[in-house]
Amino acid sequence: MLPARLRRQVAAVAETTEAPSTSHPAVPPARLSLVGTASQQHERLAFGHRSRDGSTSQRRVEPYRQVLVRRRWYLLAWDLDRGQWRTFRLDRLADVRSTGERFAPRALPAETAAAYIDAALKVPRHRAVITFLAPAAQVTGRLSDGDGTLEPLAGDRCRFTTWVDSFEWLAVMTVMTGVEFRVEEPVGFVTYCAELRDRLGRAVAG
């Protein structure tokens, strides 16, 4: 339906554009639709939830917003059993269903749901800053998508700022880039890398 000139331009973009693959888990569209409808109509939800450590629990919530943060879908909801605001990753939910019970909307705990979730993700995490000894264009496709920000520096270097749950994953991610790097902060990650170096050295000794 496009004019011939625009068809050629769109085709050129499509044929010459690549997007890096992502390992982030997908959320079924039906789940997004169900949660979105319940949020809009102020209907309580019930679902099974798998936490970060793999444990499972049953939850009853008042859903408010679905937010895409760092390429993951999150639900901001009022947890009825715990009596507090909670965030849930939608890919970790199971057997999501509407209870048919209506609720009176509460005021959001922040100016926007996106701001609340972003702050919630950063507070309990470790902030780390790493300098890669390579241009940003060389590093960007080798990092886990959406886990931080990458900015170019002078001298064909770049700075990576991220928030992580554990130093273990950060160490694996940075080493797997195959690029030389220097840890700027935090001190805890510097210490962890030194301990990991010594542990690997003992593993191959002799």
Foldseek 3Di string as FASTA:
>chain_A
DDPPVVVVVVVVCVVPDDDFDAPDDDADPVLVVQLVVCQVQQFKKWWWFQDPVGDIDIWIWGWHDWDQALNWIKTWTQTPVVRGIDIGTNVRIHPMDTPRDHDDDDDDPDPDPVVVVVVVQAPQWDKWKKKWQAACVLQVSQARGSFFDWAGDPNRMIMTIGTDHDLVVVVVSVVSSVTDMDTPDDPVNVVVVVVVVVVVCVVPPD
